[in-house]
Amino acid sequence: MKLKVYADRGSQPSRAILIFCKVNGIEFEEIKIELAKRQQLSPEYKAVNPMGQVPAIVDGEFQLFESHAILIYLASAYPGIADHWYPNDIFKRAKIHSVLDWHHSNLRRGAAPYVLNTVLGPSVGVQVNPQIAAEAEKLLLSSLSKIESFWLKENEKFLLGSSQPSIADLSMVCEIMQLEVLGDKERDRILGPYEKVQQWIENTKNATGPHFDEIHTLIFQVKAMLQKPPPGGAINEDE
């Protein structure tokens, strides 16, 4: 029975799962759950994930949600997955778990609410909160600084010093890619000081191409939509 992946390509964790499957030749059926239409709250989807979030998978009779758990499962359950994604070495695995845990309590808590409470919220009917945006920006910048100065301090190509990416690299880079919807000027303001982070993003893109760009097409479409001048006038980018 083919793997089913329930995902919204606007969701950072969903993109990580889809890219991982495509890069590793895992056959799957992508079932689109549109967050903007609140489809994640439907009774049908809650039978798959009672938490009402994406992504989720169904593999035969096995159901699983939470993107990091899904990545670990896929890397472990499917044959032929390269060891660098989720190494057999127990010490390397522990390091990956450490990064993944840090991601959800730091980078994600900065990037996601910052994007939502600046440019994305109004487009999906969410009222922005400037205080939340300011607090999220501080955590986002602090997280980027820690990645730059700790995991990439020796100019490593990927987070754990490997020559190939792990599931932690893919998950965190997909998180940072959400900053694209801010527009070039704002994205560059945030990422500009972190040259090692920028190179690491490019390394991960290159290691997972062309699937990385394909799965991120929606994000670039949203970016273009949000950058359109309002009716009757052009955007003044200096304001």
C-alpha atoms as a PDB file:
ATOM      1  CA  MET A   1       0.000   0.000   0.000  1.00  0.00           C
ATOM      2  CA  LYS A   2       1.498   3.333  -1.084  1.00  0.00           C
ATOM      3  CA  LEU A   3       2.558   5.830   1.574  1.00  0.00           C
ATOM      4  CA  LYS A   4       0.142   8.746   1.965  1.00  0.00           C
ATOM      5  CA  VAL A   5       1.534  12.148   2.894  1.00  0.00           C
ATOM      6  CA  TYR A   6      -0.954  14.753   4.087  1.00  0.00           C
ATOM      7  CA  ALA A   7       0.619  18.139   3.511  1.00  0.00           C
ATOM      8  CA  ASP A   8       0.279  21.802   2.647  1.00  0.00           C
ATOM      9  CA  ARG A   9       3.251  23.103   0.677  1.00  0.00           C
ATOM     10  CA  GLY A  10       2.902  26.418   2.467  1.00  0.00           C
ATOM     11  CA  SER A  11       3.880  24.569   5.648  1.00  0.00           C
ATOM     12  CA  GLN A  12       7.589  24.378   6.440  1.00  0.00           C
ATOM     13  CA  PRO A  13       7.436  20.874   8.012  1.00  0.00           C
ATOM     14  CA  SER A  14       5.284  19.586   5.139  1.00  0.00           C
ATOM     15  CA  ARG A  15       7.892  20.692   2.631  1.00  0.00           C
ATOM     16  CA  ALA A  16      10.643  18.870   4.509  1.00  0.00           C
ATOM     17  CA  ILE A  17       8.697  15.589   4.324  1.00  0.00           C
ATOM     18  CA  LEU A  18       7.872  15.981   0.635  1.00  0.00           C
ATOM     19  CA  ILE A  19      11.466  16.844  -0.304  1.00  0.00           C
ATOM     20  CA  PHE A  20      12.822  13.917   1.710  1.00  0.00           C
ATOM     21  CA  CYS A  21      10.489  11.477  -0.034  1.00  0.00           C
ATOM     22  CA  LYS A  22      11.294  12.789  -3.502  1.00  0.00           C
ATOM     23  CA  VAL A  23      15.067  12.926  -2.972  1.00  0.00           C
ATOM     24  CA  ASN A  24      15.092   9.360  -1.678  1.00  0.00           C
ATOM     25  CA  GLY A  25      12.772   7.876  -4.287  1.00  0.00           C
ATOM     26  CA  ILE A  26      10.028   6.972  -1.820  1.00  0.00           C
ATOM     27  CA  GLU A  27       6.793   6.411  -3.697  1.00  0.00           C
ATOM     28  CA  PHE A  28       3.944   8.304  -2.086  1.00  0.00           C
ATOM     29  CA  GLU A  29       0.594   9.919  -2.657  1.00  0.00           C
ATOM     30  CA  GLU A  30       0.465  13.576  -1.720  1.00  0.00           C
ATOM     31  CA  ILE A  31      -2.890  14.494  -0.202  1.00  0.00           C
ATOM     32  CA  LYS A  32      -3.262  18.262  -0.050  1.00  0.00           C
ATOM     33  CA  ILE A  33      -4.631  19.744   3.144  1.00  0.00           C
ATOM     34  CA  GLU A  34      -5.223  23.460   2.620  1.00  0.00           C
ATOM     35  CA  LEU A  35      -4.580  25.294   5.865  1.00  0.00           C
ATOM     36  CA  ALA A  36      -6.073  28.524   4.514  1.00  0.00           C
ATOM     37  CA  LYS A  37      -9.376  26.667   4.078  1.00  0.00           C
ATOM     38  CA  ARG A  38      -9.088  25.119   7.558  1.00  0.00           C
ATOM     39  CA  GLN A  39      -9.164  21.636   6.061  1.00  0.00           C
ATOM     40  CA  GLN A  40      -6.861  20.447   8.844  1.00  0.00           C
ATOM     41  CA  LEU A  41      -9.813  20.802  11.230  1.00  0.00           C
ATOM     42  CA  SER A  42     -12.191  18.612   9.239  1.00  0.00           C
ATOM     43  CA  PRO A  43     -13.431  15.407  10.890  1.00  0.00           C
ATOM     44  CA  GLU A  44     -11.943  13.401   8.014  1.00  0.00           C
ATOM     45  CA  TYR A  45      -8.461  14.791   8.561  1.00  0.00           C
ATOM     46  CA  LYS A  46      -8.690  14.670  12.355  1.00  0.00           C
ATOM     47  CA  ALA A  47      -9.168  10.926  11.972  1.00  0.00           C
ATOM     48  CA  VAL A  48      -5.618  10.950  10.595  1.00  0.00           C
ATOM     49  CA  ASN A  49      -4.171  13.565  12.942  1.00  0.00           C
ATOM     50  CA  PRO A  50      -6.342  14.430  15.951  1.00  0.00           C
ATOM     51  CA  MET A  51      -4.097  17.461  16.587  1.00  0.00           C
ATOM     52  CA  GLY A  52      -5.341  19.097  13.391  1.00  0.00           C
ATOM     53  CA  GLN A  53      -1.895  19.960  12.047  1.00  0.00           C
ATOM     54  CA  VAL A  54       0.190  19.069   9.012  1.00  0.00           C
ATOM     55  CA  PRO A  55       2.063  17.033   8.009  1.00  0.00           C
ATOM     56  CA  ALA A  56       0.859  13.532   8.762  1.00  0.00           C
ATOM     57  CA  ILE A  57       1.393  10.183   7.087  1.00  0.00           C
ATOM     58  CA  VAL A  58      -0.461   6.914   6.694  1.00  0.00           C
ATOM     59  CA  ASP A  59       1.719   3.937   5.819  1.00  0.00           C
ATOM     60  CA  GLY A  60      -0.524   0.897   5.541  1.00  0.00           C
ATOM     61  CA  GLU A  61      -2.271   0.732   8.899  1.00  0.00           C
ATOM     62  CA  PHE A  62       0.343   2.933  10.584  1.00  0.00           C
ATOM     63  CA  GLN A  63      -0.463   6.610  11.175  1.00  0.00           C
ATOM     64  CA  LEU A  64       2.017   9.244  12.361  1.00  0.00           C
ATOM     65  CA  PHE A  65       2.143  12.984  12.839  1.00  0.00           C
ATOM     66  CA  GLU A  66       4.858  15.500  13.835  1.00  0.00           C
ATOM     67  CA  SER A  67       7.393  16.155  11.085  1.00  0.00           C
ATOM     68  CA  HIS A  68      10.532  15.178  12.988  1.00  0.00           C
ATOM     69  CA  ALA A  69       9.012  11.862  14.022  1.00  0.00           C
ATOM     70  CA  ILE A  70       7.955  11.304  10.402  1.00  0.00           C
ATOM     71  CA  LEU A  71      11.447  12.028   9.063  1.00  0.00           C
ATOM     72  CA  ILE A  72      12.985   9.618  11.569  1.00  0.00           C
ATOM     73  CA  TYR A  73      10.442   6.943  10.674  1.00  0.00           C
ATOM     74  CA  LEU A  74      10.935   7.293   6.916  1.00  0.00           C
ATOM     75  CA  ALA A  75      14.725   7.266   7.224  1.00  0.00           C
ATOM     76  CA  SER A  76      14.543   4.137   9.369  1.00  0.00           C
ATOM     77  CA  ALA A  77      11.730   2.176   7.736  1.00  0.00           C
ATOM     78  CA  TYR A  78      12.452   2.525   4.039  1.00  0.00           C
ATOM     79  CA  PRO A  79      15.307   0.592   2.437  1.00  0.00           C
ATOM     80  CA  GLY A  80      18.082   2.285   0.532  1.00  0.00           C
ATOM     81  CA  ILE A  81      18.039   5.580   2.426  1.00  0.00           C
ATOM     82  CA  ALA A  82      21.583   6.963   2.547  1.00  0.00           C
ATOM     83  CA  ASP A  83      23.110   6.791   6.013  1.00  0.00           C
ATOM     84  CA  HIS A  84      23.895  10.509   6.164  1.00  0.00           C
ATOM     85  CA  TRP A  85      20.219  11.386   6.569  1.00  0.00           C
ATOM     86  CA  TYR A  86      19.871   9.530   9.882  1.00  0.00           C
ATOM     87  CA  PRO A  87      23.119   7.695  10.666  1.00  0.00           C
ATOM     88  CA  ASN A  88      23.280   4.271  12.281  1.00  0.00           C
ATOM     89  CA  ASP A  89      25.947   5.635  14.613  1.00  0.00           C
ATOM     90  CA  ILE A  90      24.133   6.184  17.925  1.00  0.00           C
ATOM     91  CA  PHE A  91      26.216   9.237  18.812  1.00  0.00           C
ATOM     92  CA  LYS A  92      25.458  10.940  15.495  1.00  0.00           C
ATOM     93  CA  ARG A  93      21.785  10.123  15.923  1.00  0.00           C
ATOM     94  CA  ALA A  94      21.793  11.680  19.367  1.00  0.00           C
ATOM     95  CA  LYS A  95      23.303  14.853  17.900  1.00  0.00           C
ATOM     96  CA  ILE A  96      20.565  14.959  15.255  1.00  0.00           C
ATOM     97  CA  HIS A  97      17.894  14.597  17.947  1.00  0.00           C
ATOM     98  CA  SER A  98      19.532  17.429  19.852  1.00  0.00           C
ATOM     99  CA  VAL A  99      19.329  19.716  16.806  1.00  0.00           C
ATOM    100  CA  LEU A 100      15.725  18.744  16.070  1.00  0.00           C
ATOM    101  CA  ASP A 101      14.645  19.415  19.662  1.00  0.00           C
ATOM    102  CA  TRP A 102      16.448  22.768  19.629  1.00  0.00           C
ATOM    103  CA  HIS A 103      14.754  23.655  16.337  1.00  0.00           C
ATOM    104  CA  HIS A 104      11.227  23.404  17.698  1.00  0.00           C
ATOM    105  CA  SER A 105      11.951  25.391  20.834  1.00  0.00           C
ATOM    106  CA  ASN A 106      14.043  28.112  19.191  1.00  0.00           C
ATOM    107  CA  LEU A 107      14.209  28.644  15.429  1.00  0.00           C
ATOM    108  CA  ARG A 108      10.597  27.632  14.782  1.00  0.00           C
ATOM    109  CA  ARG A 109       9.277  29.767  17.637  1.00  0.00           C
ATOM    110  CA  GLY A 110      11.066  32.721  16.078  1.00  0.00           C
ATOM    111  CA  ALA A 111      10.586  32.302  12.329  1.00  0.00           C
ATOM    112  CA  ALA A 112       6.967  31.128  12.129  1.00  0.00           C
ATOM    113  CA  PRO A 113       5.299  33.776  14.329  1.00  0.00           C
ATOM    114  CA  TYR A 114       7.468  36.531  12.859  1.00  0.00           C
ATOM    115  CA  VAL A 115       6.341  35.758   9.317  1.00  0.00           C
ATOM    116  CA  LEU A 116       2.712  35.326  10.422  1.00  0.00           C
ATOM    117  CA  ASN A 117       2.621  38.586  12.362  1.00  0.00           C
ATOM    118  CA  THR A 118       4.210  40.699   9.649  1.00  0.00           C
ATOM    119  CA  VAL A 119       3.282  39.912   6.039  1.00  0.00           C
ATOM    120  CA  LEU A 120       1.467  36.578   6.040  1.00  0.00           C
ATOM    121  CA  GLY A 121      -1.259  37.158   8.633  1.00  0.00           C
ATOM    122  CA  PRO A 122      -3.359  39.666   6.683  1.00  0.00           C
ATOM    123  CA  SER A 123      -3.406  37.418   3.616  1.00  0.00           C
ATOM    124  CA  VAL A 124      -4.888  34.511   5.584  1.00  0.00           C
ATOM    125  CA  GLY A 125      -7.265  36.518   7.749  1.00  0.00           C
ATOM    126  CA  VAL A 126      -5.132  36.617  10.883  1.00  0.00           C
ATOM    127  CA  GLN A 127      -4.813  39.891  12.782  1.00  0.00           C
ATOM    128  CA  VAL A 128      -1.127  40.705  13.297  1.00  0.00           C
ATOM    129  CA  ASN A 129       0.305  41.434  16.720  1.00  0.00           C
ATOM    130  CA  PRO A 130       3.325  43.790  16.608  1.00  0.00           C
ATOM    131  CA  GLN A 131       4.470  42.732  20.079  1.00  0.00           C
ATOM    132  CA  ILE A 132       4.514  39.067  19.112  1.00  0.00           C
ATOM    133  CA  ALA A 133       6.353  39.990  15.904  1.00  0.00           C
ATOM    134  CA  ALA A 134       9.014  41.924  17.857  1.00  0.00           C
ATOM    135  CA  GLU A 135       9.558  39.088  20.337  1.00  0.00           C
ATOM    136  CA  ALA A 136       9.659  36.518  17.548  1.00  0.00           C
ATOM    137  CA  GLU A 137      12.229  38.568  15.619  1.00  0.00           C
ATOM    138  CA  LYS A 138      14.535  38.609  18.645  1.00  0.00           C
ATOM    139  CA  LEU A 139      14.319  34.823  18.973  1.00  0.00           C
ATOM    140  CA  LEU A 140      14.770  34.377  15.216  1.00  0.00           C
ATOM    141  CA  LEU A 141      17.927  36.495  15.143  1.00  0.00           C
ATOM    142  CA  SER A 142      19.262  34.794  18.262  1.00  0.00           C
ATOM    143  CA  SER A 143      18.643  31.378  16.665  1.00  0.00           C
ATOM    144  CA  LEU A 144      20.399  32.335  13.435  1.00  0.00           C
ATOM    145  CA  SER A 145      23.324  33.645  15.459  1.00  0.00           C
ATOM    146  CA  LYS A 146      23.600  30.348  17.350  1.00  0.00           C
ATOM    147  CA  ILE A 147      23.536  28.329  14.116  1.00  0.00           C
ATOM    148  CA  GLU A 148      26.239  30.576  12.665  1.00  0.00           C
ATOM    149  CA  SER A 149      28.493  30.592  15.723  1.00  0.00           C
ATOM    150  CA  PHE A 150      28.015  27.028  16.998  1.00  0.00           C
ATOM    151  CA  TRP A 151      26.992  24.424  14.396  1.00  0.00           C
ATOM    152  CA  LEU A 152      28.665  26.229  11.501  1.00  0.00           C
ATOM    153  CA  LYS A 153      31.555  27.806  13.397  1.00  0.00           C
ATOM    154  CA  GLU A 154      34.266  25.901  11.501  1.00  0.00           C
ATOM    155  CA  ASN A 155      32.683  26.617   8.107  1.00  0.00           C
ATOM    156  CA  GLU A 156      31.061  23.191   8.080  1.00  0.00           C
ATOM    157  CA  LYS A 157      29.084  22.359   4.969  1.00  0.00           C
ATOM    158  CA  PHE A 158      26.242  20.935   7.065  1.00  0.00           C
ATOM    159  CA  LEU A 159      25.242  21.121  10.716  1.00  0.00           C
ATOM    160  CA  LEU A 160      26.991  18.027  12.040  1.00  0.00           C
ATOM    161  CA  GLY A 161      30.201  18.418  10.059  1.00  0.00           C
ATOM    162  CA  SER A 162      29.079  15.926   7.427  1.00  0.00           C
ATOM    163  CA  SER A 163      29.664  16.305   3.712  1.00  0.00           C
ATOM    164  CA  GLN A 164      25.985  15.440   3.137  1.00  0.00           C
ATOM    165  CA  PRO A 165      22.805  16.728   4.814  1.00  0.00           C
ATOM    166  CA  SER A 166      20.897  15.068   7.625  1.00  0.00           C
ATOM    167  CA  ILE A 167      17.190  15.282   8.344  1.00  0.00           C
ATOM    168  CA  ALA A 168      18.067  18.116  10.744  1.00  0.00           C
ATOM    169  CA  ASP A 169      19.580  20.206   7.947  1.00  0.00           C
ATOM    170  CA  LEU A 170      16.532  19.689   5.755  1.00  0.00           C
ATOM    171  CA  SER A 171      14.040  20.494   8.504  1.00  0.00           C
ATOM    172  CA  MET A 172      15.759  23.695   9.599  1.00  0.00           C
ATOM    173  CA  VAL A 173      16.475  24.999   6.110  1.00  0.00           C
ATOM    174  CA  CYS A 174      12.822  24.530   5.164  1.00  0.00           C
ATOM    175  CA  GLU A 175      11.970  26.591   8.245  1.00  0.00           C
ATOM    176  CA  ILE A 176      14.254  29.422   7.187  1.00  0.00           C
ATOM    177  CA  MET A 177      12.914  29.352   3.624  1.00  0.00           C
ATOM    178  CA  GLN A 178       9.623  30.690   4.990  1.00  0.00           C
ATOM    179  CA  LEU A 179      11.414  34.049   5.235  1.00  0.00           C
ATOM    180  CA  GLU A 180      11.151  34.284   1.440  1.00  0.00           C
ATOM    181  CA  VAL A 181       7.569  35.538   1.740  1.00  0.00           C
ATOM    182  CA  LEU A 182       8.877  38.634   3.530  1.00  0.00           C
ATOM    183  CA  GLY A 183      10.310  39.910   0.252  1.00  0.00           C
ATOM    184  CA  ASP A 184      13.944  40.283  -0.749  1.00  0.00           C
ATOM    185  CA  LYS A 185      14.662  43.438   1.223  1.00  0.00           C
ATOM    186  CA  GLU A 186      13.379  42.162   4.555  1.00  0.00           C
ATOM    187  CA  ARG A 187      14.776  38.656   4.054  1.00  0.00           C
ATOM    188  CA  ASP A 188      18.209  40.104   3.281  1.00  0.00           C
ATOM    189  CA  ARG A 189      18.030  42.334   6.361  1.00  0.00           C
ATOM    190  CA  ILE A 190      17.501  39.279   8.532  1.00  0.00           C
ATOM    191  CA  LEU A 191      19.837  36.802   6.838  1.00  0.00           C
ATOM    192  CA  GLY A 192      22.459  39.251   5.582  1.00  0.00           C
ATOM    193  CA  PRO A 193      24.714  39.196   8.670  1.00  0.00           C
ATOM    194  CA  TYR A 194      24.887  35.389   8.650  1.00  0.00           C
ATOM    195  CA  GLU A 195      27.093  34.391   5.729  1.00  0.00           C
ATOM    196  CA  LYS A 196      27.654  30.831   6.954  1.00  0.00           C
ATOM    197  CA  VAL A 197      23.919  30.296   7.336  1.00  0.00           C
ATOM    198  CA  GLN A 198      23.346  31.556   3.799  1.00  0.00           C
ATOM    199  CA  GLN A 199      25.975  29.172   2.422  1.00  0.00           C
ATOM    200  CA  TRP A 200      24.502  26.280   4.399  1.00  0.00           C
ATOM    201  CA  ILE A 201      21.083  27.014   2.885  1.00  0.00           C
ATOM    202  CA  GLU A 202      22.621  26.913  -0.595  1.00  0.00           C
ATOM    203  CA  ASN A 203      24.444  23.668   0.225  1.00  0.00           C
ATOM    204  CA  THR A 204      21.176  22.054   1.302  1.00  0.00           C
ATOM    205  CA  LYS A 205      19.363  23.316  -1.790  1.00  0.00           C
ATOM    206  CA  ASN A 206      22.084  21.915  -4.033  1.00  0.00           C
ATOM    207  CA  ALA A 207      22.117  18.565  -2.237  1.00  0.00           C
ATOM    208  CA  THR A 208      18.361  18.133  -2.659  1.00  0.00           C
ATOM    209  CA  GLY A 209      17.818  19.713  -6.085  1.00  0.00           C
ATOM    210  CA  PRO A 210      15.771  19.871  -8.217  1.00  0.00           C
ATOM    211  CA  HIS A 211      13.145  18.727  -5.722  1.00  0.00           C
ATOM    212  CA  PHE A 212      13.936  21.522  -3.259  1.00  0.00           C
ATOM    213  CA  ASP A 213      12.964  24.275  -5.707  1.00  0.00           C
ATOM    214  CA  GLU A 214       9.962  22.333  -6.998  1.00  0.00           C
ATOM    215  CA  ILE A 215       8.470  21.896  -3.540  1.00  0.00           C
ATOM    216  CA  HIS A 216       9.141  25.558  -2.710  1.00  0.00           C
ATOM    217  CA  THR A 217       7.372  26.867  -5.823  1.00  0.00           C
ATOM    218  CA  LEU A 218       4.287  27.784  -3.786  1.00  0.00           C
ATOM    219  CA  ILE A 219       6.378  29.878  -1.400  1.00  0.00           C
ATOM    220  CA  PHE A 220       7.805  31.889  -4.287  1.00  0.00           C
ATOM    221  CA  GLN A 221       4.294  32.340  -5.684  1.00  0.00           C
ATOM    222  CA  VAL A 222       3.084  33.649  -2.324  1.00  0.00           C
ATOM    223  CA  LYS A 223       6.093  35.958  -2.210  1.00  0.00           C
ATOM    224  CA  ALA A 224       5.234  37.364  -5.641  1.00  0.00           C
ATOM    225  CA  MET A 225       1.588  37.830  -4.659  1.00  0.00           C
ATOM    226  CA  LEU A 226       2.461  39.668  -1.453  1.00  0.00           C
ATOM    227  CA  GLN A 227       4.871  41.958  -3.299  1.00  0.00           C
ATOM    228  CA  LYS A 228       2.255  43.147  -5.803  1.00  0.00           C
ATOM    229  CA  PRO A 229       1.518  46.887  -5.467  1.00  0.00           C
ATOM    230  CA  PRO A 230      -1.873  47.631  -3.920  1.00  0.00           C
ATOM    231  CA  PRO A 231      -4.618  48.791  -6.315  1.00  0.00           C
ATOM    232  CA  GLY A 232      -4.189  52.428  -7.256  1.00  0.00           C
ATOM    233  CA  GLY A 233      -0.573  52.821  -6.282  1.00  0.00           C
ATOM    234  CA  ALA A 234       2.923  51.385  -6.010  1.00  0.00           C
ATOM    235  CA  ILE A 235       4.610  50.142  -2.875  1.00  0.00           C
ATOM    236  CA  ASN A 236       7.086  52.552  -1.359  1.00  0.00           C
ATOM    237  CA  GLU A 237       9.804  50.210  -0.121  1.00  0.00           C
ATOM    238  CA  ASP A 238      11.433  53.002   1.900  1.00  0.00           C
ATOM    239  CA  GLU A 239       8.488  53.272   4.250  1.00  0.00           C
END
